[in-house]
């Protein structure tokens, strides 16, 4: 095997999810600013496809983990991505 098939690669962010307690207001604002309608529109989540990336709106304001700007922080599990011990110390 060559290195490109054995080394993990970070391909960048694919999704950004913002907390939006007033989902209707946020959906209207992003629709206007982006000039597109959401591709997924439910009471529990609104998703926009923006140039191949996902911009999500989450109305649940109860997230216990937020960043310094109040945005929800989280980790999406990727069962195919594993770090070796050597990678962790880098």
PDB file of N, CA and C in Angstrom:
ATOM      1  N   UNK A   1       0.840  -1.194   0.000  1.00  0.00           N
ATOM      2  CA  UNK A   1       0.000   0.000   0.000  1.00  0.00           C
ATOM      3  C   UNK A   1       0.876   1.246   0.000  1.00  0.00           C
ATOM      4  N   UNK A   2       0.414   2.247  -0.670  1.00  0.00           N
ATOM      5  CA  UNK A   2       1.164   3.499  -0.618  1.00  0.00           C
ATOM      6  C   UNK A   2       0.602   4.387   0.483  1.00  0.00           C
ATOM      7  N   UNK A   3       1.321   5.459   0.772  1.00  0.00           N
ATOM      8  CA  UNK A   3       0.938   6.325   1.895  1.00  0.00           C
ATOM      9  C   UNK A   3      -0.441   6.947   1.721  1.00  0.00           C
ATOM     10  N   UNK A   4      -0.835   7.239   0.492  1.00  0.00           N
ATOM     11  CA  UNK A   4      -2.130   7.901   0.284  1.00  0.00           C
ATOM     12  C   UNK A   4      -3.309   7.015   0.663  1.00  0.00           C
ATOM     13  N   UNK A   5      -3.122   5.702   0.688  1.00  0.00           N
ATOM     14  CA  UNK A   5      -4.227   4.826   1.083  1.00  0.00           C
ATOM     15  C   UNK A   5      -4.176   4.449   2.553  1.00  0.00           C
ATOM     16  N   UNK A   6      -3.072   4.749   3.228  1.00  0.00           N
ATOM     17  CA  UNK A   6      -2.962   4.360   4.629  1.00  0.00           C
ATOM     18  C   UNK A   6      -3.040   5.536   5.595  1.00  0.00           C
ATOM     19  N   UNK A   7      -2.791   6.742   5.131  1.00  0.00           N
ATOM     20  CA  UNK A   7      -2.805   7.910   6.013  1.00  0.00           C
ATOM     21  C   UNK A   7      -4.177   8.562   6.034  1.00  0.00           C
ATOM     22  N   UNK A   8      -4.630   8.988   7.219  1.00  0.00           N
ATOM     23  CA  UNK A   8      -5.902   9.719   7.262  1.00  0.00           C
ATOM     24  C   UNK A   8      -5.714  11.106   6.662  1.00  0.00           C
ATOM     25  N   UNK A   9      -6.726  11.576   5.980  1.00  0.00           N
ATOM     26  CA  UNK A   9      -6.675  12.909   5.383  1.00  0.00           C
ATOM     27  C   UNK A   9      -7.857  13.714   5.872  1.00  0.00           C
ATOM     28  N   UNK A  10      -7.597  14.939   6.213  1.00  0.00           N
ATOM     29  CA  UNK A  10      -8.669  15.855   6.589  1.00  0.00           C
ATOM     30  C   UNK A  10      -9.020  16.647   5.342  1.00  0.00           C
ATOM     31  N   UNK A  11     -10.240  16.483   4.873  1.00  0.00           N
ATOM     32  CA  UNK A  11     -10.664  17.126   3.636  1.00  0.00           C
ATOM     33  C   UNK A  11     -11.365  18.451   3.874  1.00  0.00           C
ATOM     34  N   UNK A  12     -11.401  18.905   5.089  1.00  0.00           N
ATOM     35  CA  UNK A  12     -12.031  20.183   5.393  1.00  0.00           C
ATOM     36  C   UNK A  12     -13.423  20.013   5.960  1.00  0.00           C
ATOM     37  N   UNK A  13     -13.994  21.130   6.325  1.00  0.00           N
ATOM     38  CA  UNK A  13     -15.342  21.118   6.889  1.00  0.00           C
ATOM     39  C   UNK A  13     -16.368  20.924   5.787  1.00  0.00           C
ATOM     40  N   UNK A  14     -17.409  20.181   6.094  1.00  0.00           N
ATOM     41  CA  UNK A  14     -18.489  19.950   5.139  1.00  0.00           C
ATOM     42  C   UNK A  14     -19.807  20.520   5.639  1.00  0.00           C
ATOM     43  N   UNK A  15     -19.908  20.721   6.955  1.00  0.00           N
ATOM     44  CA  UNK A  15     -21.171  21.161   7.550  1.00  0.00           C
ATOM     45  C   UNK A  15     -20.908  22.189   8.642  1.00  0.00           C
ATOM     46  N   UNK A  16     -21.698  23.231   8.651  1.00  0.00           N
ATOM     47  CA  UNK A  16     -21.706  24.201   9.750  1.00  0.00           C
ATOM     48  C   UNK A  16     -23.145  24.294  10.234  1.00  0.00           C
ATOM     49  N   UNK A  17     -23.342  24.071  11.532  1.00  0.00           N
ATOM     50  CA  UNK A  17     -24.691  24.113  12.102  1.00  0.00           C
ATOM     51  C   UNK A  17     -24.748  25.245  13.120  1.00  0.00           C
ATOM     52  N   UNK A  18     -25.730  26.107  12.944  1.00  0.00           N
ATOM     53  CA  UNK A  18     -25.915  27.248  13.833  1.00  0.00           C
ATOM     54  C   UNK A  18     -27.183  27.080  14.649  1.00  0.00           C
ATOM     55  N   UNK A  19     -27.098  27.500  15.886  1.00  0.00           N
ATOM     56  CA  UNK A  19     -28.269  27.488  16.756  1.00  0.00           C
ATOM     57  C   UNK A  19     -29.205  28.600  16.288  1.00  0.00           C
ATOM     58  N   UNK A  20     -30.482  28.273  16.170  1.00  0.00           N
ATOM     59  CA  UNK A  20     -31.476  29.247  15.694  1.00  0.00           C
ATOM     60  C   UNK A  20     -32.775  29.053  16.463  1.00  0.00           C
ATOM     61  N   UNK A  21     -32.869  29.591  17.686  1.00  0.00           N
ATOM     62  CA  UNK A  21     -34.092  29.416  18.480  1.00  0.00           C
ATOM     63  C   UNK A  21     -35.350  29.896  17.756  1.00  0.00           C
ATOM     64  N   UNK A  22     -35.233  30.966  16.953  1.00  0.00           N
ATOM     65  CA  UNK A  22     -36.359  31.415  16.125  1.00  0.00           C
ATOM     66  C   UNK A  22     -36.101  30.901  14.712  1.00  0.00           C
ATOM     67  N   UNK A  23     -36.453  29.638  14.494  1.00  0.00           N
ATOM     68  CA  UNK A  23     -36.130  28.959  13.245  1.00  0.00           C
ATOM     69  C   UNK A  23     -36.749  29.638  12.027  1.00  0.00           C
ATOM     70  N   UNK A  24     -37.997  30.078  12.139  1.00  0.00           N
ATOM     71  CA  UNK A  24     -38.647  30.731  10.999  1.00  0.00           C
ATOM     72  C   UNK A  24     -37.931  32.017  10.603  1.00  0.00           C
ATOM     73  N   UNK A  25     -37.549  32.800  11.578  1.00  0.00           N
ATOM     74  CA  UNK A  25     -36.849  34.057  11.305  1.00  0.00           C
ATOM     75  C   UNK A  25     -35.469  33.782  10.683  1.00  0.00           C
ATOM     76  N   UNK A  26     -34.744  32.824  11.242  1.00  0.00           N
ATOM     77  CA  UNK A  26     -33.423  32.478  10.713  1.00  0.00           C
ATOM     78  C   UNK A  26     -33.531  31.900   9.307  1.00  0.00           C
ATOM     79  N   UNK A  27     -34.515  31.036   9.092  1.00  0.00           N
ATOM     80  CA  UNK A  27     -34.711  30.447   7.765  1.00  0.00           C
ATOM     81  C   UNK A  27     -34.987  31.534   6.731  1.00  0.00           C
ATOM     82  N   UNK A  28     -35.837  32.488   7.069  1.00  0.00           N
ATOM     83  CA  UNK A  28     -36.153  33.588   6.148  1.00  0.00           C
ATOM     84  C   UNK A  28     -34.906  34.424   5.860  1.00  0.00           C
ATOM     85  N   UNK A  29     -34.116  34.708   6.903  1.00  0.00           N
ATOM     86  CA  UNK A  29     -32.914  35.522   6.720  1.00  0.00           C
ATOM     87  C   UNK A  29     -31.908  34.823   5.814  1.00  0.00           C
ATOM     88  N   UNK A  30     -31.598  33.544   6.107  1.00  0.00           N
ATOM     89  CA  UNK A  30     -30.628  32.814   5.287  1.00  0.00           C
ATOM     90  C   UNK A  30     -31.144  32.616   3.866  1.00  0.00           C
ATOM     91  N   UNK A  31     -32.424  32.371   3.693  1.00  0.00           N
ATOM     92  CA  UNK A  31     -32.989  32.239   2.345  1.00  0.00           C
ATOM     93  C   UNK A  31     -32.785  33.526   1.553  1.00  0.00           C
ATOM     94  N   UNK A  32     -33.016  34.647   2.200  1.00  0.00           N
ATOM     95  CA  UNK A  32     -32.862  35.943   1.533  1.00  0.00           C
ATOM     96  C   UNK A  32     -31.389  36.219   1.216  1.00  0.00           C
ATOM     97  N   UNK A  33     -30.515  36.022   2.177  1.00  0.00           N
ATOM     98  CA  UNK A  33     -29.092  36.313   1.993  1.00  0.00           C
ATOM     99  C   UNK A  33     -28.447  35.370   0.977  1.00  0.00           C
ATOM    100  N   UNK A  34     -28.778  34.087   1.059  1.00  0.00           N
ATOM    101  CA  UNK A  34     -28.184  33.109   0.146  1.00  0.00           C
ATOM    102  C   UNK A  34     -28.874  33.077  -1.213  1.00  0.00           C
ATOM    103  N   UNK A  35     -30.107  33.561  -1.251  1.00  0.00           N
ATOM    104  CA  UNK A  35     -30.862  33.552  -2.503  1.00  0.00           C
ATOM    105  C   UNK A  35     -31.378  32.182  -2.895  1.00  0.00           C
ATOM    106  N   UNK A  36     -31.506  31.284  -1.904  1.00  0.00           N
ATOM    107  CA  UNK A  36     -31.997  29.926  -2.169  1.00  0.00           C
ATOM    108  C   UNK A  36     -32.942  29.494  -1.054  1.00  0.00           C
ATOM    109  N   UNK A  37     -33.782  28.539  -1.372  1.00  0.00           N
ATOM    110  CA  UNK A  37     -34.650  27.925  -0.366  1.00  0.00           C
ATOM    111  C   UNK A  37     -33.895  26.757   0.269  1.00  0.00           C
ATOM    112  N   UNK A  38     -34.236  26.394   1.497  1.00  0.00           N
ATOM    113  CA  UNK A  38     -33.592  25.228   2.104  1.00  0.00           C
ATOM    114  C   UNK A  38     -33.955  23.954   1.345  1.00  0.00           C
ATOM    115  N   UNK A  39     -33.020  23.017   1.289  1.00  0.00           N
ATOM    116  CA  UNK A  39     -33.308  21.728   0.662  1.00  0.00           C
ATOM    117  C   UNK A  39     -33.989  20.794   1.658  1.00  0.00           C
ATOM    118  N   UNK A  40     -33.822  21.070   2.954  1.00  0.00           N
ATOM    119  CA  UNK A  40     -34.444  20.270   4.008  1.00  0.00           C
ATOM    120  C   UNK A  40     -35.081  21.241   4.980  1.00  0.00           C
ATOM    121  N   UNK A  41     -36.371  21.087   5.211  1.00  0.00           N
ATOM    122  CA  UNK A  41     -37.102  22.069   6.024  1.00  0.00           C
ATOM    123  C   UNK A  41     -38.085  21.349   6.936  1.00  0.00           C
ATOM    124  N   UNK A  42     -37.661  21.146   8.181  1.00  0.00           N
ATOM    125  CA  UNK A  42     -38.486  20.474   9.176  1.00  0.00           C
ATOM    126  C   UNK A  42     -38.438  21.292  10.466  1.00  0.00           C
ATOM    127  N   UNK A  43     -39.388  21.082  11.372  1.00  0.00           N
ATOM    128  CA  UNK A  43     -39.393  21.851  12.623  1.00  0.00           C
ATOM    129  C   UNK A  43     -38.151  21.625  13.497  1.00  0.00           C
ATOM    130  N   UNK A  44     -37.451  20.517  13.292  1.00  0.00           N
ATOM    131  CA  UNK A  44     -36.289  20.185  14.117  1.00  0.00           C
ATOM    132  C   UNK A  44     -34.953  20.536  13.466  1.00  0.00           C
ATOM    133  N   UNK A  45     -34.953  20.930  12.177  1.00  0.00           N
ATOM    134  CA  UNK A  45     -33.704  21.234  11.474  1.00  0.00           C
ATOM    135  C   UNK A  45     -34.026  21.810  10.110  1.00  0.00           C
ATOM    136  N   UNK A  46     -33.255  22.809   9.705  1.00  0.00           N
ATOM    137  CA  UNK A  46     -33.361  23.371   8.358  1.00  0.00           C
ATOM    138  C   UNK A  46     -31.965  23.322   7.751  1.00  0.00           C
ATOM    139  N   UNK A  47     -31.868  22.769   6.546  1.00  0.00           N
ATOM    140  CA  UNK A  47     -30.569  22.647   5.894  1.00  0.00           C
ATOM    141  C   UNK A  47     -30.536  23.326   4.539  1.00  0.00           C
ATOM    142  N   UNK A  48     -29.455  24.052   4.302  1.00  0.00           N
ATOM    143  CA  UNK A  48     -29.214  24.696   3.015  1.00  0.00           C
ATOM    144  C   UNK A  48     -27.995  24.043   2.375  1.00  0.00           C
ATOM    145  N   UNK A  49     -28.057  23.819   1.082  1.00  0.00           N
ATOM    146  CA  UNK A  49     -26.905  23.331   0.341  1.00  0.00           C
ATOM    147  C   UNK A  49     -26.245  24.545  -0.303  1.00  0.00           C
ATOM    148  N   UNK A  50     -25.035  24.848   0.145  1.00  0.00           N
ATOM    149  CA  UNK A  50     -24.341  26.054  -0.306  1.00  0.00           C
ATOM    150  C   UNK A  50     -23.018  25.649  -0.954  1.00  0.00           C
ATOM    151  N   UNK A  51     -23.008  25.586  -2.259  1.00  0.00           N
ATOM    152  CA  UNK A  51     -21.782  25.250  -2.977  1.00  0.00           C
ATOM    153  C   UNK A  51     -21.209  23.901  -2.603  1.00  0.00           C
ATOM    154  N   UNK A  52     -22.051  22.921  -2.358  1.00  0.00           N
ATOM    155  CA  UNK A  52     -21.590  21.591  -1.979  1.00  0.00           C
ATOM    156  C   UNK A  52     -21.364  21.406  -0.486  1.00  0.00           C
ATOM    157  N   UNK A  53     -21.647  22.429   0.289  1.00  0.00           N
ATOM    158  CA  UNK A  53     -21.500  22.361   1.742  1.00  0.00           C
ATOM    159  C   UNK A  53     -22.866  22.507   2.391  1.00  0.00           C
ATOM    160  N   UNK A  54     -22.968  22.072   3.618  1.00  0.00           N
ATOM    161  CA  UNK A  54     -24.223  22.138   4.365  1.00  0.00           C
ATOM    162  C   UNK A  54     -24.177  23.282   5.367  1.00  0.00           C
ATOM    163  N   UNK A  55     -25.193  24.116   5.332  1.00  0.00           N
ATOM    164  CA  UNK A  55     -25.389  25.120   6.371  1.00  0.00           C
ATOM    165  C   UNK A  55     -26.679  24.725   7.064  1.00  0.00           C
ATOM    166  N   UNK A  56     -26.585  24.353   8.337  1.00  0.00           N
ATOM    167  CA  UNK A  56     -27.745  23.871   9.072  1.00  0.00           C
ATOM    168  C   UNK A  56     -28.181  24.835  10.151  1.00  0.00           C
ATOM    169  N   UNK A  57     -29.473  24.848  10.397  1.00  0.00           N
ATOM    170  CA  UNK A  57     -30.053  25.651  11.473  1.00  0.00           C
ATOM    171  C   UNK A  57     -30.732  24.711  12.453  1.00  0.00           C
ATOM    172  N   UNK A  58     -30.358  24.806  13.713  1.00  0.00           N
ATOM    173  CA  UNK A  58     -30.887  23.933  14.762  1.00  0.00           C
ATOM    174  C   UNK A  58     -31.667  24.774  15.767  1.00  0.00           C
ATOM    175  N   UNK A  59     -32.969  24.529  15.911  1.00  0.00           N
ATOM    176  CA  UNK A  59     -33.765  25.336  16.835  1.00  0.00           C
ATOM    177  C   UNK A  59     -33.601  24.962  18.301  1.00  0.00           C
ATOM    178  N   UNK A  60     -32.921  23.851  18.587  1.00  0.00           N
ATOM    179  CA  UNK A  60     -32.778  23.397  19.970  1.00  0.00           C
ATOM    180  C   UNK A  60     -31.726  24.232  20.687  1.00  0.00           C
ATOM    181  N   UNK A  61     -32.154  25.089  21.584  1.00  0.00           N
ATOM    182  CA  UNK A  61     -31.237  25.980  22.300  1.00  0.00           C
ATOM    183  C   UNK A  61     -30.662  25.333  23.555  1.00  0.00           C
ATOM    184  N   UNK A  62     -30.893  24.042  23.751  1.00  0.00           N
ATOM    185  CA  UNK A  62     -30.473  23.401  24.994  1.00  0.00           C
ATOM    186  C   UNK A  62     -29.109  22.733  24.909  1.00  0.00           C
ATOM    187  N   UNK A  63     -28.357  22.958  23.842  1.00  0.00           N
ATOM    188  CA  UNK A  63     -27.054  22.328  23.713  1.00  0.00           C
ATOM    189  C   UNK A  63     -26.147  22.742  24.868  1.00  0.00           C
ATOM    190  N   UNK A  64     -25.556  21.787  25.571  1.00  0.00           N
ATOM    191  CA  UNK A  64     -24.732  22.124  26.729  1.00  0.00           C
ATOM    192  C   UNK A  64     -23.325  22.597  26.364  1.00  0.00           C
ATOM    193  N   UNK A  65     -22.907  22.422  25.126  1.00  0.00           N
ATOM    194  CA  UNK A  65     -21.539  22.747  24.751  1.00  0.00           C
ATOM    195  C   UNK A  65     -21.544  23.805  23.659  1.00  0.00           C
ATOM    196  N   UNK A  66     -21.077  25.000  23.999  1.00  0.00           N
ATOM    197  CA  UNK A  66     -21.041  26.084  23.023  1.00  0.00           C
ATOM    198  C   UNK A  66     -19.664  26.731  23.011  1.00  0.00           C
ATOM    199  N   UNK A  67     -19.340  27.343  21.890  1.00  0.00           N
ATOM    200  CA  UNK A  67     -18.078  28.050  21.748  1.00  0.00           C
ATOM    201  C   UNK A  67     -18.180  29.455  22.321  1.00  0.00           C
ATOM    202  N   UNK A  68     -17.104  30.202  22.206  1.00  0.00           N
ATOM    203  CA  UNK A  68     -17.065  31.544  22.791  1.00  0.00           C
ATOM    204  C   UNK A  68     -18.039  32.511  22.129  1.00  0.00           C
ATOM    205  N   UNK A  69     -18.496  32.206  20.923  1.00  0.00           N
ATOM    206  CA  UNK A  69     -19.477  33.049  20.244  1.00  0.00           C
ATOM    207  C   UNK A  69     -20.898  32.517  20.396  1.00  0.00           C
ATOM    208  N   UNK A  70     -21.080  31.486  21.219  1.00  0.00           N
ATOM    209  CA  UNK A  70     -22.406  30.931  21.456  1.00  0.00           C
ATOM    210  C   UNK A  70     -22.840  29.892  20.448  1.00  0.00           C
ATOM    211  N   UNK A  71     -21.952  29.516  19.520  1.00  0.00           N
ATOM    212  CA  UNK A  71     -22.299  28.497  18.537  1.00  0.00           C
ATOM    213  C   UNK A  71     -22.161  27.107  19.143  1.00  0.00           C
ATOM    214  N   UNK A  72     -23.006  26.203  18.706  1.00  0.00           N
ATOM    215  CA  UNK A  72     -22.992  24.835  19.200  1.00  0.00           C
ATOM    216  C   UNK A  72     -21.727  24.143  18.715  1.00  0.00           C
ATOM    217  N   UNK A  73     -21.034  23.482  19.635  1.00  0.00           N
ATOM    218  CA  UNK A  73     -19.870  22.688  19.284  1.00  0.00           C
ATOM    219  C   UNK A  73     -20.258  21.223  19.350  1.00  0.00           C
ATOM    220  N   UNK A  74     -19.728  20.444  18.477  1.00  0.00           N
ATOM    221  CA  UNK A  74     -20.032  19.026  18.505  1.00  0.00           C
ATOM    222  C   UNK A  74     -19.098  18.248  17.607  1.00  0.00           C
ATOM    223  N   UNK A  75     -19.160  16.964  17.756  1.00  0.00           N
ATOM    224  CA  UNK A  75     -18.344  16.070  16.954  1.00  0.00           C
ATOM    225  C   UNK A  75     -19.280  15.092  16.270  1.00  0.00           C
ATOM    226  N   UNK A  76     -19.106  14.940  14.979  1.00  0.00           N
ATOM    227  CA  UNK A  76     -19.855  13.942  14.234  1.00  0.00           C
ATOM    228  C   UNK A  76     -18.933  12.746  14.082  1.00  0.00           C
ATOM    229  N   UNK A  77     -19.367  11.608  14.570  1.00  0.00           N
ATOM    230  CA  UNK A  77     -18.525  10.420  14.528  1.00  0.00           C
ATOM    231  C   UNK A  77     -18.303   9.974  13.096  1.00  0.00           C
ATOM    232  N   UNK A  78     -17.066   9.655  12.779  1.00  0.00           N
ATOM    233  CA  UNK A  78     -16.713   9.073  11.495  1.00  0.00           C
ATOM    234  C   UNK A  78     -16.006   7.765  11.799  1.00  0.00           C
ATOM    235  N   UNK A  79     -16.698   6.636  11.656  1.00  0.00           N
ATOM    236  CA  UNK A  79     -16.098   5.353  12.037  1.00  0.00           C
ATOM    237  C   UNK A  79     -14.918   4.957  11.155  1.00  0.00           C
ATOM    238  N   UNK A  80     -14.721   5.619  10.018  1.00  0.00           N
ATOM    239  CA  UNK A  80     -13.621   5.284   9.119  1.00  0.00           C
ATOM    240  C   UNK A  80     -12.363   6.087   9.422  1.00  0.00           C
ATOM    241  N   UNK A  81     -12.466   7.083  10.301  1.00  0.00           N
ATOM    242  CA  UNK A  81     -11.326   7.931  10.625  1.00  0.00           C
ATOM    243  C   UNK A  81     -10.760   7.511  11.969  1.00  0.00           C
ATOM    244  N   UNK A  82      -9.537   7.075  11.967  1.00  0.00           N
ATOM    245  CA  UNK A  82      -8.868   6.653  13.199  1.00  0.00           C
ATOM    246  C   UNK A  82      -7.488   7.298  13.239  1.00  0.00           C
ATOM    247  N   UNK A  83      -7.086   7.768  14.399  1.00  0.00           N
ATOM    248  CA  UNK A  83      -5.742   8.303  14.578  1.00  0.00           C
ATOM    249  C   UNK A  83      -4.874   7.256  15.245  1.00  0.00           C
ATOM    250  N   UNK A  84      -3.652   7.132  14.772  1.00  0.00           N
ATOM    251  CA  UNK A  84      -2.717   6.242  15.448  1.00  0.00           C
ATOM    252  C   UNK A  84      -2.082   7.000  16.605  1.00  0.00           C
ATOM    253  N   UNK A  85      -1.369   6.304  17.457  1.00  0.00           N
ATOM    254  CA  UNK A  85      -0.704   6.940  18.591  1.00  0.00           C
ATOM    255  C   UNK A  85       0.281   7.994  18.105  1.00  0.00           C
ATOM    256  N   UNK A  86       0.979   7.733  17.006  1.00  0.00           N
ATOM    257  CA  UNK A  86       1.940   8.693  16.456  1.00  0.00           C
ATOM    258  C   UNK A  86       1.241   9.970  16.006  1.00  0.00           C
ATOM    259  N   UNK A  87       0.056   9.850  15.414  1.00  0.00           N
ATOM    260  CA  UNK A  87      -0.681  11.018  14.942  1.00  0.00           C
ATOM    261  C   UNK A  87      -1.106  11.909  16.097  1.00  0.00           C
ATOM    262  N   UNK A  88      -1.448  11.336  17.214  1.00  0.00           N
ATOM    263  CA  UNK A  88      -1.934  12.104  18.361  1.00  0.00           C
ATOM    264  C   UNK A  88      -0.845  12.971  18.980  1.00  0.00           C
ATOM    265  N   UNK A  89       0.397  12.543  18.891  1.00  0.00           N
ATOM    266  CA  UNK A  89       1.477  13.312  19.506  1.00  0.00           C
ATOM    267  C   UNK A  89       2.022  14.388  18.576  1.00  0.00           C
ATOM    268  N   UNK A  90       1.573  14.411  17.359  1.00  0.00           N
ATOM    269  CA  UNK A  90       2.080  15.396  16.379  1.00  0.00           C
ATOM    270  C   UNK A  90       1.543  16.771  16.658  1.00  0.00           C
TER     271      UNK A  90
END
